[in-house]
Amino acid sequence: MPARGWIEVNNMYCKGCELCINACPQDVLRLDMESLTPKGFHPAKLYKDGCTGCAICSLVCPDAAITVYREVIKKPAIVTGGA
């Protein structure tokens, strides 16, 4: 199963440059046009499912505003009976 990821954007640092949005291979980021950071920018946000936690967004962010979390979902072990 694929990994499931999510991000947190620190609004104190995000300046809405869109580098993370353009770099996201899953195309799950966009600017949050309904909110502003304290500096007056629209911050990036995760807007749909599909994030794998690849962390490319965090790597390209020039202001280190993105923290990435990743959860690998493991298949349950198959137990076989034996004598």
Protein backbone atom coordinates (compact mmCIF):
# COMPACT_ATOMS: atom_id res chain seq x y z
CA MET A 1 0.00 0.00 0.00
CA PRO A 2 1.22 3.51 -0.66
CA ALA A 3 2.24 5.84 2.11
CA ARG A 4 -0.19 8.47 3.34
CA GLY A 5 1.14 11.91 4.05
CA TRP A 6 0.07 15.36 5.12
CA ILE A 7 1.70 18.71 5.66
CA GLU A 8 1.57 21.61 8.06
CA VAL A 9 2.38 25.07 6.74
CA ASN A 10 3.78 27.63 9.17
CA ASN A 11 1.95 30.84 8.30
CA MET A 12 4.68 32.94 9.91
CA TYR A 13 7.10 31.88 7.16
CA CYS A 14 4.99 31.04 4.08
CA LYS A 15 5.02 33.83 1.51
CA GLY A 16 2.83 32.14 -1.08
CA CYS A 17 5.61 31.77 -3.66
CA GLU A 18 3.97 28.61 -5.11
CA LEU A 19 7.26 26.71 -5.47
CA CYS A 20 5.80 23.85 -3.42
CA ILE A 21 2.63 23.81 -5.52
CA ASN A 22 4.60 23.55 -8.76
CA ALA A 23 6.91 20.87 -7.36
CA CYS A 24 4.21 18.58 -5.92
CA PRO A 25 4.10 15.39 -8.04
CA GLN A 26 0.66 14.48 -6.63
CA ASP A 27 -0.86 17.90 -7.42
CA VAL A 28 -2.54 18.20 -4.01
CA LEU A 29 -1.38 21.69 -2.96
CA ARG A 30 -2.75 25.13 -3.75
CA LEU A 31 -2.86 28.59 -2.24
CA ASP A 32 -5.51 29.12 0.42
CA MET A 33 -7.34 32.09 -1.06
CA GLU A 34 -9.59 32.32 2.01
CA SER A 35 -6.85 33.14 4.49
CA LEU A 36 -3.88 35.45 4.84
CA THR A 37 -0.66 35.06 6.76
CA PRO A 38 0.32 37.79 9.26
CA LYS A 39 2.48 39.24 6.47
CA GLY A 40 -0.47 39.37 4.04
CA PHE A 41 0.24 36.37 1.81
CA HIS A 42 -2.07 33.53 0.85
CA PRO A 43 -0.41 30.42 2.32
CA ALA A 44 -0.07 27.04 0.65
CA LYS A 45 -2.35 24.27 1.86
CA LEU A 46 -3.18 20.64 1.23
CA TYR A 47 -6.57 20.72 -0.48
CA LYS A 48 -7.27 17.10 -1.39
CA ASP A 49 -6.27 13.55 -0.53
CA GLY A 50 -3.36 11.96 -2.31
CA CYS A 51 -0.32 13.29 -0.47
CA THR A 52 2.29 10.54 -0.12
CA GLY A 53 4.61 12.43 2.20
CA CYS A 54 7.39 12.58 -0.40
CA ALA A 55 8.60 15.89 1.13
CA ILE A 56 9.48 17.52 -2.19
CA CYS A 57 7.38 20.53 -1.18
CA SER A 58 9.42 20.93 1.98
CA LEU A 59 12.72 20.61 0.11
CA VAL A 60 11.91 23.35 -2.40
CA CYS A 61 10.43 25.77 0.15
CA PRO A 62 12.96 28.62 0.48
CA ASP A 63 11.57 29.62 3.87
CA ALA A 64 11.33 26.19 5.54
CA ALA A 65 7.62 26.79 6.11
CA ILE A 66 6.45 23.22 5.46
CA THR A 67 6.60 20.24 7.79
CA VAL A 68 5.79 16.90 6.18
CA TYR A 69 4.35 13.89 7.98
CA ARG A 70 4.28 10.40 6.52
CA GLU A 71 2.53 7.25 7.63
CA VAL A 72 3.34 3.96 5.94
CA ILE A 73 0.36 1.66 6.05
CA LYS A 74 1.49 -1.93 6.36
CA LYS A 75 -0.45 -4.95 5.28
CA PRO A 76 -1.44 -7.25 8.13
CA ALA A 77 0.76 -10.30 8.45
CA ILE A 78 -0.67 -13.49 7.07
CA VAL A 79 -0.63 -16.22 9.66
CA THR A 80 -0.58 -19.75 8.37
CA GLY A 81 -1.54 -22.67 10.51
CA GLY A 82 0.91 -25.47 11.04
CA ALA A 83 1.02 -28.68 12.97
